[in-house]
C-alpha cells in the first residue's frame, strides 16, 4: 500500500558583498502544518560577526515568511469545503 506525505521546504540566505553569510531553512509538514522546523546556519563566522544585525533582521524576515506560509496551510486545513 502506498503511503504519501507532503512537506514544504523554504530556504533563504543572507548575502553580503557577494558572500553567503547565513543560510536559513524551514520545513512545514503538510499532513500536520502545526509541525514546522526552522533554523539558521552561519556560513561565514567572521562575516557574521561583522554583519550580525543584518543577519538577524534577515532571519526575522525569513521567519515571518515561513510563519505566513504555515498560517496559510493551517487555514486551508480547517476551512470548510465549499461546493
N, C-alpha and C. Protein backbone atom coordinates (compact mmCIF):
# COMPACT_ATOMS: atom_id res chain seq x y z
N UNK A 1 0.85 -1.18 0.00
CA UNK A 1 0.00 0.00 0.00
C UNK A 1 0.89 1.24 0.00
N UNK A 2 0.57 2.15 -0.86
CA UNK A 2 1.32 3.40 -0.96
C UNK A 2 0.86 4.36 0.12
N UNK A 3 1.82 4.90 0.84
CA UNK A 3 1.54 5.94 1.82
C UNK A 3 2.35 7.16 1.41
N UNK A 4 1.70 8.29 1.32
CA UNK A 4 2.39 9.51 0.91
C UNK A 4 2.31 10.57 2.00
N UNK A 5 3.19 11.50 1.92
CA UNK A 5 3.16 12.64 2.82
C UNK A 5 3.68 13.84 2.07
N UNK A 6 3.40 14.99 2.58
CA UNK A 6 3.85 16.22 1.92
C UNK A 6 4.62 17.10 2.87
N UNK A 7 5.52 17.83 2.30
CA UNK A 7 6.34 18.74 3.09
C UNK A 7 6.73 19.91 2.20
N UNK A 8 6.71 21.08 2.76
CA UNK A 8 7.19 22.27 2.07
C UNK A 8 8.52 22.65 2.71
N UNK A 9 9.51 22.88 1.89
CA UNK A 9 10.81 23.34 2.38
C UNK A 9 11.08 24.72 1.80
N UNK A 10 11.37 25.66 2.68
CA UNK A 10 11.71 27.02 2.28
C UNK A 10 13.17 27.27 2.63
N UNK A 11 13.86 27.99 1.78
CA UNK A 11 15.26 28.32 2.05
C UNK A 11 15.51 29.79 1.77
N UNK A 12 16.52 30.33 2.42
CA UNK A 12 16.91 31.71 2.19
C UNK A 12 18.36 31.90 2.61
N UNK A 13 18.92 33.01 2.23
CA UNK A 13 20.32 33.32 2.56
C UNK A 13 20.48 34.80 2.82
N UNK A 14 21.39 35.12 3.72
CA UNK A 14 21.87 36.49 3.88
C UNK A 14 23.13 36.59 3.05
N UNK A 15 23.07 37.41 2.00
CA UNK A 15 24.22 37.60 1.11
C UNK A 15 24.69 39.04 1.28
N UNK A 16 25.93 39.18 1.70
CA UNK A 16 26.51 40.50 1.93
C UNK A 16 27.82 40.56 1.15
N UNK A 17 27.90 41.53 0.24
CA UNK A 17 29.09 41.71 -0.60
C UNK A 17 29.46 40.40 -1.30
N UNK A 18 28.48 39.75 -1.92
CA UNK A 18 28.65 38.51 -2.67
C UNK A 18 29.08 37.32 -1.82
N UNK A 19 28.96 37.42 -0.51
CA UNK A 19 29.30 36.32 0.40
C UNK A 19 28.04 35.83 1.09
N UNK A 20 27.81 34.52 1.06
CA UNK A 20 26.70 33.94 1.81
C UNK A 20 27.15 33.87 3.27
N UNK A 21 26.52 34.69 4.09
CA UNK A 21 26.90 34.79 5.49
C UNK A 21 26.10 33.81 6.34
N UNK A 22 24.80 33.73 6.09
CA UNK A 22 23.92 32.81 6.81
C UNK A 22 22.97 32.15 5.82
N UNK A 23 22.58 30.93 6.15
CA UNK A 23 21.56 30.22 5.37
C UNK A 23 20.42 29.87 6.32
N UNK A 24 19.21 29.97 5.80
CA UNK A 24 18.01 29.72 6.60
C UNK A 24 17.19 28.63 5.94
N UNK A 25 16.52 27.83 6.75
CA UNK A 25 15.63 26.82 6.19
C UNK A 25 14.45 26.62 7.12
N UNK A 26 13.33 26.28 6.51
CA UNK A 26 12.12 25.95 7.26
C UNK A 26 11.45 24.79 6.55
N UNK A 27 10.86 23.92 7.32
CA UNK A 27 10.16 22.76 6.77
C UNK A 27 8.80 22.66 7.45
N UNK A 28 7.76 22.58 6.62
CA UNK A 28 6.39 22.51 7.13
C UNK A 28 5.78 21.18 6.69
N UNK A 29 5.27 20.43 7.63
CA UNK A 29 4.61 19.15 7.37
C UNK A 29 3.19 19.44 6.89
N UNK A 30 2.88 19.06 5.65
CA UNK A 30 1.55 19.36 5.11
C UNK A 30 0.45 18.48 5.72
N UNK A 31 0.82 17.33 6.26
CA UNK A 31 -0.17 16.49 6.94
C UNK A 31 -0.56 17.08 8.28
N UNK A 32 0.33 17.82 8.87
CA UNK A 32 0.08 18.49 10.15
C UNK A 32 0.87 19.81 10.14
N UNK A 33 0.29 20.87 9.54
CA UNK A 33 1.02 22.13 9.38
C UNK A 33 1.47 22.78 10.69
N UNK A 34 0.94 22.31 11.82
CA UNK A 34 1.43 22.85 13.09
C UNK A 34 2.88 22.45 13.33
N UNK A 35 3.31 21.38 12.67
CA UNK A 35 4.70 20.92 12.79
C UNK A 35 5.57 21.69 11.80
N UNK A 36 6.39 22.56 12.33
CA UNK A 36 7.31 23.31 11.49
C UNK A 36 8.65 23.38 12.20
N UNK A 37 9.72 23.15 11.45
CA UNK A 37 11.05 23.36 11.99
C UNK A 37 11.68 24.50 11.20
N UNK A 38 12.44 25.32 11.90
CA UNK A 38 13.07 26.47 11.27
C UNK A 38 14.44 26.67 11.91
N UNK A 39 15.41 27.03 11.09
CA UNK A 39 16.74 27.20 11.65
C UNK A 39 17.65 28.01 10.75
N UNK A 40 18.84 28.25 11.26
CA UNK A 40 19.83 29.01 10.52
C UNK A 40 21.21 28.41 10.74
N UNK A 41 22.07 28.62 9.77
CA UNK A 41 23.46 28.17 9.84
C UNK A 41 24.34 29.34 9.44
N UNK A 42 25.34 29.61 10.26
CA UNK A 42 26.31 30.65 9.91
C UNK A 42 27.33 30.04 8.96
N UNK A 43 27.38 30.56 7.74
CA UNK A 43 28.28 30.04 6.72
C UNK A 43 29.66 30.67 6.78
N UNK A 44 29.73 31.91 7.25
CA UNK A 44 31.00 32.64 7.35
C UNK A 44 30.99 33.35 8.70
N UNK A 45 31.66 32.75 9.68
CA UNK A 45 31.61 33.25 11.06
C UNK A 45 32.15 34.67 11.20
N UNK A 46 33.23 34.99 10.51
CA UNK A 46 33.80 36.34 10.60
C UNK A 46 32.85 37.38 10.00
N UNK A 47 32.29 37.05 8.84
CA UNK A 47 31.33 37.97 8.21
C UNK A 47 30.08 38.10 9.08
N UNK A 48 29.67 37.01 9.72
CA UNK A 48 28.51 37.07 10.62
C UNK A 48 28.77 38.04 11.77
N UNK A 49 29.94 37.96 12.36
CA UNK A 49 30.28 38.86 13.47
C UNK A 49 30.21 40.32 13.02
N UNK A 50 30.66 40.58 11.80
CA UNK A 50 30.68 41.95 11.28
C UNK A 50 29.29 42.43 10.86
N UNK A 51 28.39 41.50 10.54
CA UNK A 51 27.07 41.86 10.00
C UNK A 51 25.94 41.18 10.77
N UNK A 52 26.14 41.02 12.05
CA UNK A 52 25.17 40.32 12.90
C UNK A 52 23.77 40.95 12.83
N UNK A 53 23.70 42.27 12.86
CA UNK A 53 22.39 42.93 12.85
C UNK A 53 21.63 42.66 11.54
N UNK A 54 22.34 42.71 10.42
CA UNK A 54 21.70 42.43 9.12
C UNK A 54 21.21 40.98 9.07
N UNK A 55 22.04 40.06 9.57
CA UNK A 55 21.66 38.65 9.55
C UNK A 55 20.46 38.39 10.45
N UNK A 56 20.43 39.03 11.59
CA UNK A 56 19.28 38.87 12.49
C UNK A 56 18.01 39.43 11.86
N UNK A 57 18.13 40.55 11.19
CA UNK A 57 16.96 41.14 10.50
C UNK A 57 16.50 40.22 9.37
N UNK A 58 17.46 39.66 8.62
CA UNK A 58 17.10 38.73 7.54
C UNK A 58 16.41 37.50 8.11
N UNK A 59 16.92 36.96 9.23
CA UNK A 59 16.30 35.77 9.82
C UNK A 59 14.89 36.09 10.30
N UNK A 60 14.70 37.27 10.89
CA UNK A 60 13.36 37.66 11.35
C UNK A 60 12.40 37.74 10.16
N UNK A 61 12.86 38.30 9.04
CA UNK A 61 12.02 38.37 7.84
C UNK A 61 11.73 36.98 7.29
N UNK A 62 12.74 36.11 7.30
CA UNK A 62 12.55 34.73 6.84
C UNK A 62 11.54 34.01 7.73
N UNK A 63 11.68 34.19 9.03
CA UNK A 63 10.76 33.55 9.97
C UNK A 63 9.33 34.04 9.75
N UNK A 64 9.16 35.35 9.53
CA UNK A 64 7.83 35.90 9.25
C UNK A 64 7.24 35.27 7.99
N UNK A 65 8.07 35.10 6.95
CA UNK A 65 7.60 34.49 5.71
C UNK A 65 7.19 33.04 5.95
N UNK A 66 8.01 32.29 6.68
CA UNK A 66 7.71 30.89 6.96
C UNK A 66 6.42 30.77 7.78
N UNK A 67 6.26 31.63 8.75
CA UNK A 67 5.04 31.60 9.56
C UNK A 67 3.80 31.94 8.72
N UNK A 68 3.94 32.84 7.76
CA UNK A 68 2.82 33.18 6.88
C UNK A 68 2.43 31.97 6.03
N UNK A 69 3.42 31.24 5.52
CA UNK A 69 3.13 30.04 4.74
C UNK A 69 2.46 29.00 5.62
N UNK A 70 2.96 28.83 6.85
CA UNK A 70 2.36 27.89 7.78
C UNK A 70 0.91 28.27 8.08
N UNK A 71 0.66 29.55 8.35
CA UNK A 71 -0.69 30.01 8.64
C UNK A 71 -1.64 29.74 7.47
N UNK A 72 -1.16 29.94 6.25
CA UNK A 72 -1.96 29.68 5.06
C UNK A 72 -2.39 28.21 5.02
N UNK A 73 -1.46 27.32 5.30
CA UNK A 73 -1.79 25.90 5.24
C UNK A 73 -2.65 25.47 6.43
N UNK A 74 -2.47 26.10 7.57
CA UNK A 74 -3.36 25.82 8.71
C UNK A 74 -4.78 26.26 8.39
N UNK A 75 -4.92 27.43 7.77
CA UNK A 75 -6.25 27.94 7.42
C UNK A 75 -6.92 27.04 6.38
N UNK A 76 -6.15 26.58 5.42
CA UNK A 76 -6.71 25.69 4.40
C UNK A 76 -7.16 24.36 5.00
N UNK A 77 -6.46 23.93 6.01
CA UNK A 77 -6.78 22.65 6.65
C UNK A 77 -8.10 22.72 7.41
N UNK A 78 -8.39 23.85 8.02
CA UNK A 78 -9.61 23.97 8.84
C UNK A 78 -10.76 24.61 8.09
N UNK A 79 -10.50 25.14 6.90
CA UNK A 79 -11.57 25.78 6.14
C UNK A 79 -12.58 24.73 5.68
N UNK A 80 -13.87 25.03 5.83
CA UNK A 80 -14.88 24.08 5.39
C UNK A 80 -14.89 23.97 3.86
N UNK A 81 -15.21 22.79 3.40
CA UNK A 81 -15.29 22.58 1.95
C UNK A 81 -16.49 23.33 1.39
N UNK A 82 -16.26 23.99 0.26
CA UNK A 82 -17.33 24.74 -0.39
C UNK A 82 -17.74 23.95 -1.64
N UNK A 83 -19.02 23.79 -1.83
CA UNK A 83 -19.41 23.07 -3.04
C UNK A 83 -20.75 22.60 -3.04
